[in-house]
Amino acid sequence: MPVYRSSATEHAAPVVLAALTDVGLSREHNEDAFLISDLARGVSLGAPAAQMSAEPPLALSLGVYDGSGGASSPDAASRLAARTVHAVLARAAPRSSDALERALLAAVAEAGRAVRDNARRSPQHRSSGTTATVAALCDERLLLAQVGDSRAYLLRGGALAQITRDQTLLQSLLESGKLRPEEAATFEHRGVMLQALGLREHLQIALSAVELRREDTLLLCTDGLSDLVDDRHIAAALDAHPDPAAASGALIDAALAAGGRDNATVLVARFDGPWLAPATGDSAPQVIEIARFSEGPSRRP
């Protein structure tokens, strides 16, 4: 497992991160990808496993990507998207939360164009696409860019909250009241995504923010975990394993024990230190929706 640790400072506790991806028990190829980027220090780590610790000043980018497209090399789409997001953010070198917002939108939009252009140029990549769930951090404000149905969760005080919204037909029907929650498990089109990088000219990127607190744990994952392991078991695994590498391994093991019918990718980050405010008894994470940015043929962020 590639490991990177930034130079330590005497008074700052590190942010500790780990990620792991597994092909599962039913697939021949792993179509998932992840990338951890320490933008402040010019370091990036990717699959199949990685660990990193970093300390303030922080400029981090964390992303998971789930390729789609069957025989058309969807794994290429997920890897290309991960590299593109990293490259745009590294080039922008944002040093404030506002600058990071703009850079993150630009990075995800550019990744969508890169995947789409690659599909046009290469017949073997035709119809390929990928989800993107990207978290970016500047100081204590965590930004989230969402396309598709990979997810971000936050564990705070033992309670787990999903802090991204699935861009799927199932979620849309649930929110509109056209489908009851008890019907969701048997809904035959539950895998239909409304957004993905590379598959459409028009892309909607949901951008939101969460204020981090001391001892928060962030989880990014593909649906190879969230479709097979319920929130209660995810919370228990994160709570039982404060070390992100151990938590990542436990979550992958849980997905495999539940059948492992898809690739599974998890990225776990634990935040601590005096630079964060402590959590209080009623401090459930509040997700602030910043924008739903529509990227089309004539639009650029």
Protein backbone atom coordinates (compact mmCIF):
# COMPACT_ATOMS: atom_id res chain seq x y z
CA MET A 1 0.00 0.00 0.00
CA PRO A 2 1.58 3.32 -1.04
CA VAL A 3 2.06 5.53 2.00
CA TYR A 4 2.78 9.26 2.18
CA ARG A 5 3.17 11.39 5.28
CA SER A 6 3.72 15.12 5.16
CA SER A 7 6.32 16.73 7.36
CA ALA A 8 5.02 16.84 10.91
CA THR A 9 4.41 19.99 12.88
CA GLU A 10 4.75 19.96 16.64
CA HIS A 11 1.26 21.15 17.56
CA ALA A 12 -1.00 19.93 14.75
CA ALA A 13 -2.62 16.50 14.70
CA PRO A 14 -2.71 15.00 11.21
CA VAL A 15 -5.57 14.27 8.90
CA VAL A 16 -5.27 10.54 8.19
CA LEU A 17 -6.62 9.00 4.99
CA ALA A 18 -6.73 5.57 3.41
CA ALA A 19 -8.42 4.03 0.38
CA LEU A 20 -8.91 0.56 -1.01
CA THR A 21 -10.55 -0.85 -4.13
CA ASP A 22 -11.48 -4.46 -4.84
CA VAL A 23 -12.73 -6.19 -7.99
CA GLY A 24 -15.31 -8.17 -5.99
CA LEU A 25 -16.44 -11.75 -6.52
CA SER A 26 -18.40 -11.47 -9.77
CA ARG A 27 -16.54 -9.09 -12.09
CA GLU A 28 -13.47 -9.80 -14.20
CA HIS A 29 -12.23 -6.21 -14.24
CA ASN A 30 -12.24 -3.40 -11.73
CA GLU A 31 -14.03 -0.41 -13.26
CA ASP A 32 -13.65 1.73 -10.12
CA ALA A 33 -10.90 4.23 -9.39
CA PHE A 34 -9.92 6.56 -6.57
CA LEU A 35 -7.37 9.32 -6.15
CA ILE A 36 -6.08 11.06 -3.02
CA SER A 37 -4.34 14.36 -3.69
CA ASP A 38 -2.40 16.59 -1.30
CA LEU A 39 -2.51 19.71 -3.45
CA ALA A 40 -0.47 21.75 -0.98
CA ARG A 41 2.49 19.41 -1.31
CA GLY A 42 2.09 18.08 -4.86
CA VAL A 43 1.42 14.44 -3.96
CA SER A 44 -1.24 12.09 -5.36
CA LEU A 45 -1.92 8.43 -4.62
CA GLY A 46 -4.24 5.97 -6.36
CA ALA A 47 -5.34 2.35 -6.71
CA PRO A 48 -5.28 -0.37 -5.62
CA ALA A 49 -4.60 0.93 -2.10
CA ALA A 50 -3.10 3.99 -0.48
CA GLN A 51 -2.56 5.75 2.83
CA MET A 52 -1.74 9.39 3.50
CA SER A 53 -1.52 11.77 6.41
CA ALA A 54 -1.42 15.54 6.06
CA GLU A 55 -1.39 18.56 8.33
CA PRO A 56 -2.46 22.21 8.11
CA PRO A 57 -2.29 24.17 5.92
CA LEU A 58 -4.60 21.79 4.07
CA ALA A 59 -5.53 21.60 0.41
CA LEU A 60 -6.82 18.10 -0.22
CA SER A 61 -8.80 16.46 -3.01
CA LEU A 62 -10.35 13.02 -2.50
CA GLY A 63 -12.38 11.26 -5.18
CA VAL A 64 -14.02 7.95 -6.02
CA TYR A 65 -15.19 7.06 -9.53
CA ASP A 66 -17.29 4.13 -10.80
CA GLY A 67 -17.01 3.44 -14.50
CA SER A 68 -19.93 2.23 -16.63
CA GLY A 69 -20.36 1.09 -20.19
CA GLY A 70 -19.95 -2.68 -20.25
CA ALA A 71 -17.43 -3.83 -22.86
CA SER A 72 -16.37 -0.30 -23.79
CA SER A 73 -13.54 0.01 -21.25
CA PRO A 74 -15.40 1.89 -18.50
CA ASP A 75 -12.35 1.47 -16.26
CA ALA A 76 -10.58 3.83 -18.64
CA ALA A 77 -13.32 6.42 -18.03
CA SER A 78 -12.97 6.28 -14.25
CA ARG A 79 -9.18 6.51 -14.36
CA LEU A 80 -9.25 9.34 -16.91
CA ALA A 81 -11.75 11.28 -14.81
CA ALA A 82 -9.63 10.85 -11.66
CA ARG A 83 -6.48 12.05 -13.43
CA THR A 84 -8.26 15.02 -15.01
CA VAL A 85 -9.81 16.25 -11.75
CA HIS A 86 -6.41 16.04 -10.06
CA ALA A 87 -4.62 17.82 -12.91
CA VAL A 88 -7.08 20.74 -13.02
CA LEU A 89 -7.03 21.23 -9.24
CA ALA A 90 -3.24 20.97 -9.09
CA ARG A 91 -2.89 23.54 -11.87
CA ALA A 92 -5.33 25.91 -10.21
CA ALA A 93 -3.58 25.59 -6.81
CA PRO A 94 -6.55 27.11 -4.91
CA ARG A 95 -5.63 28.78 -1.61
CA SER A 96 -9.08 29.81 -0.38
CA SER A 97 -12.47 28.14 -0.06
CA ASP A 98 -13.99 30.37 -2.76
CA ALA A 99 -11.16 29.59 -5.18
CA LEU A 100 -11.52 25.89 -4.38
CA GLU A 101 -15.25 26.03 -5.25
CA ARG A 102 -14.49 27.43 -8.68
CA ALA A 103 -11.61 25.03 -9.27
CA LEU A 104 -13.63 21.99 -8.20
CA LEU A 105 -16.49 22.80 -10.57
CA ALA A 106 -14.00 23.40 -13.37
CA ALA A 107 -12.19 20.13 -12.62
CA VAL A 108 -15.31 17.94 -12.68
CA ALA A 109 -16.66 19.65 -15.80
CA GLU A 110 -13.30 19.17 -17.54
CA ALA A 111 -13.31 15.50 -16.52
CA GLY A 112 -16.73 15.10 -18.17
CA ARG A 113 -15.45 16.63 -21.39
CA ALA A 114 -12.30 14.47 -21.30
CA VAL A 115 -14.29 11.24 -20.92
CA ARG A 116 -16.75 12.29 -23.64
CA ASP A 117 -13.99 13.32 -26.05
CA ASN A 118 -12.09 10.08 -25.42
CA ALA A 119 -15.24 8.08 -26.28
CA ARG A 120 -15.61 10.01 -29.53
CA ARG A 121 -12.01 9.41 -30.56
CA SER A 122 -11.79 5.73 -29.56
CA PRO A 123 -14.45 3.21 -30.67
CA GLN A 124 -13.48 0.86 -27.81
CA HIS A 125 -14.48 3.55 -25.33
CA ARG A 126 -17.82 4.42 -26.97
CA SER A 127 -20.69 4.81 -24.47
CA SER A 128 -18.33 4.69 -21.50
CA GLY A 129 -18.88 7.00 -18.56
CA THR A 130 -18.24 7.28 -14.85
CA THR A 131 -19.63 8.60 -11.61
CA ALA A 132 -17.63 11.16 -9.65
CA THR A 133 -17.88 11.91 -5.95
CA VAL A 134 -15.13 14.38 -5.10
CA ALA A 135 -14.43 15.96 -1.71
CA ALA A 136 -12.10 18.93 -1.51
CA LEU A 137 -10.87 20.55 1.67
CA CYS A 138 -9.45 23.96 2.41
CA ASP A 139 -9.12 24.48 6.18
CA GLU A 140 -12.30 23.26 7.95
CA ARG A 141 -14.79 23.59 5.04
CA LEU A 142 -15.39 20.39 3.10
CA LEU A 143 -16.71 20.82 -0.45
CA LEU A 144 -18.49 18.00 -2.27
CA ALA A 145 -19.00 17.69 -6.03
CA GLN A 146 -21.44 14.96 -7.02
CA VAL A 147 -22.23 13.30 -10.35
CA GLY A 148 -23.97 9.90 -10.31
CA ASP A 149 -24.59 7.47 -7.47
CA SER A 150 -21.30 7.01 -5.65
CA ARG A 151 -21.67 8.47 -2.16
CA ALA A 152 -20.16 10.52 0.63
CA TYR A 153 -21.01 9.86 4.28
CA LEU A 154 -19.94 11.60 7.47
CA LEU A 155 -19.66 9.85 10.83
CA ARG A 156 -19.95 12.24 13.77
CA GLY A 157 -20.41 11.13 17.38
CA GLY A 158 -21.21 7.59 16.25
CA ALA A 159 -24.03 8.73 13.94
CA LEU A 160 -23.71 8.26 10.17
CA ALA A 161 -25.21 10.75 7.69
CA GLN A 162 -25.23 10.52 3.91
CA ILE A 163 -24.06 13.95 2.74
CA THR A 164 -24.48 13.52 -1.02
CA ARG A 165 -27.67 12.91 -2.98
CA ASP A 166 -27.82 10.06 -5.50
CA GLN A 167 -28.50 11.31 -9.03
CA THR A 168 -30.64 8.31 -9.95
CA LEU A 169 -34.15 7.59 -11.19
CA LEU A 170 -34.89 5.84 -7.90
CA GLN A 171 -33.93 8.88 -5.82
CA SER A 172 -35.92 11.21 -8.07
CA LEU A 173 -39.05 9.06 -7.76
CA LEU A 174 -38.67 8.81 -3.99
CA GLU A 175 -38.29 12.58 -3.63
CA SER A 176 -41.29 13.27 -5.86
CA GLY A 177 -43.48 10.82 -3.93
CA LYS A 178 -44.06 8.62 -6.99
CA LEU A 179 -42.35 5.70 -5.24
CA ARG A 180 -42.74 4.70 -1.61
CA PRO A 181 -39.63 3.93 0.47
CA GLU A 182 -40.79 0.35 1.04
CA GLU A 183 -40.87 -0.17 -2.74
CA ALA A 184 -37.27 0.96 -3.27
CA ALA A 185 -35.59 -2.41 -2.63
CA THR A 186 -37.58 -4.15 -5.38
CA PHE A 187 -37.68 -1.27 -7.89
CA GLU A 188 -36.50 -2.82 -11.16
CA HIS A 189 -34.80 0.34 -12.45
CA ARG A 190 -32.92 1.21 -9.25
CA GLY A 191 -29.58 1.22 -11.13
CA VAL A 192 -30.60 3.87 -13.67
CA MET A 193 -28.46 6.99 -13.26
CA LEU A 194 -29.63 10.43 -14.37
CA GLN A 195 -26.11 11.90 -14.49
CA ALA A 196 -22.66 10.52 -15.33
CA LEU A 197 -19.44 12.00 -16.67
CA GLY A 198 -19.04 11.43 -20.39
CA LEU A 199 -22.47 10.09 -21.31
CA ARG A 200 -24.32 13.35 -22.04
CA GLU A 201 -23.56 16.73 -23.55
CA HIS A 202 -25.36 18.39 -20.64
CA LEU A 203 -23.96 17.60 -17.21
CA GLN A 204 -25.38 18.66 -13.86
CA ILE A 205 -22.82 18.91 -11.05
CA ALA A 206 -24.22 19.21 -7.53
CA LEU A 207 -21.90 21.24 -5.31
CA SER A 208 -22.38 21.38 -1.54
CA ALA A 209 -20.42 22.07 1.64
CA VAL A 210 -20.13 20.75 5.19
CA GLU A 211 -18.29 22.33 8.12
CA LEU A 212 -16.02 19.70 9.64
CA ARG A 213 -15.73 19.07 13.38
CA ARG A 214 -13.05 17.43 15.48
CA GLU A 215 -12.99 13.61 15.16
CA ASP A 216 -15.25 13.58 12.07
CA THR A 217 -14.80 10.61 9.75
CA LEU A 218 -15.53 10.98 6.04
CA LEU A 219 -16.35 7.99 3.82
CA LEU A 220 -16.48 8.11 0.03
CA CYS A 221 -17.62 4.89 -1.65
CA THR A 222 -18.97 3.38 -4.84
CA ASP A 223 -22.25 1.45 -4.92
CA GLY A 224 -20.34 -1.82 -4.63
CA LEU A 225 -20.38 -1.01 -0.91
CA SER A 226 -23.56 1.03 -0.40
CA ASP A 227 -25.83 -1.34 -2.36
CA LEU A 228 -24.72 -4.34 -0.28
CA VAL A 229 -23.96 -3.01 3.20
CA ASP A 230 -26.57 -0.94 5.03
CA ASP A 231 -25.86 2.31 6.84
CA ARG A 232 -26.02 0.67 10.28
CA HIS A 233 -23.20 -1.74 9.42
CA ILE A 234 -21.17 0.98 7.70
CA ALA A 235 -21.42 3.14 10.83
CA ALA A 236 -20.45 0.22 13.07
CA ALA A 237 -17.35 -0.56 10.96
CA LEU A 238 -16.19 3.07 10.95
CA ASP A 239 -16.82 3.41 14.69
CA ALA A 240 -15.00 0.17 15.51
CA HIS A 241 -11.93 1.05 13.41
CA PRO A 242 -10.67 4.60 14.07
CA ASP A 243 -7.67 3.92 11.83
CA PRO A 244 -8.76 4.66 8.22
CA ALA A 245 -6.73 1.80 6.75
CA ALA A 246 -8.36 -0.70 9.11
CA ALA A 247 -11.80 0.81 8.44
CA SER A 248 -11.27 0.57 4.67
CA GLY A 249 -10.33 -3.10 4.97
CA ALA A 250 -13.31 -3.85 7.20
CA LEU A 251 -15.74 -2.19 4.77
CA ILE A 252 -14.35 -4.07 1.76
CA ASP A 253 -14.59 -7.31 3.74
CA ALA A 254 -18.22 -6.50 4.54
CA ALA A 255 -19.01 -5.94 0.84
CA LEU A 256 -17.40 -9.25 -0.07
CA ALA A 257 -19.24 -11.07 2.73
CA ALA A 258 -22.49 -9.65 1.38
CA GLY A 259 -21.87 -11.23 -2.03
CA GLY A 260 -19.32 -8.92 -3.67
CA ARG A 261 -21.36 -8.71 -6.85
CA ASP A 262 -19.74 -5.45 -7.95
CA ASN A 263 -16.42 -3.68 -7.71
CA ALA A 264 -16.17 -1.87 -4.38
CA THR A 265 -14.10 1.19 -3.52
CA VAL A 266 -13.86 2.99 -0.18
CA LEU A 267 -11.94 6.07 0.88
CA VAL A 268 -11.87 6.95 4.59
CA ALA A 269 -10.53 10.18 6.11
CA ARG A 270 -10.39 11.03 9.81
CA PHE A 271 -10.06 14.68 10.84
CA ASP A 272 -8.71 15.84 14.17
CA GLY A 273 -6.73 18.62 15.78
CA PRO A 274 -7.16 22.06 17.38
CA TRP A 275 -7.79 23.71 14.02
CA LEU A 276 -11.30 22.15 14.08
CA ALA A 277 -14.14 23.09 16.42
CA PRO A 278 -15.29 20.27 18.71
CA ALA A 279 -18.54 18.50 17.95
CA THR A 280 -21.41 19.15 20.36
CA GLY A 281 -24.32 16.93 21.26
CA ASP A 282 -26.64 18.41 18.63
CA SER A 283 -24.05 19.04 15.90
CA ALA A 284 -25.30 16.70 13.19
CA PRO A 285 -23.64 17.65 9.88
CA GLN A 286 -25.52 20.35 8.01
CA VAL A 287 -25.16 20.06 4.24
CA ILE A 288 -25.27 23.44 2.52
CA GLU A 289 -26.20 23.24 -1.16
CA ILE A 290 -24.09 25.76 -3.05
CA ALA A 291 -25.08 25.18 -6.68
CA ARG A 292 -26.35 22.78 -9.27
CA PHE A 293 -24.11 23.71 -12.15
CA SER A 294 -25.26 22.72 -15.64
CA GLU A 295 -22.41 22.14 -18.05
CA GLY A 296 -23.37 22.06 -21.74
CA PRO A 297 -21.65 22.36 -25.13
CA SER A 298 -21.46 26.16 -24.86
CA ARG A 299 -20.89 26.44 -21.10
CA ARG A 300 -17.65 26.48 -19.15
CA PRO A 301 -17.32 27.00 -15.37
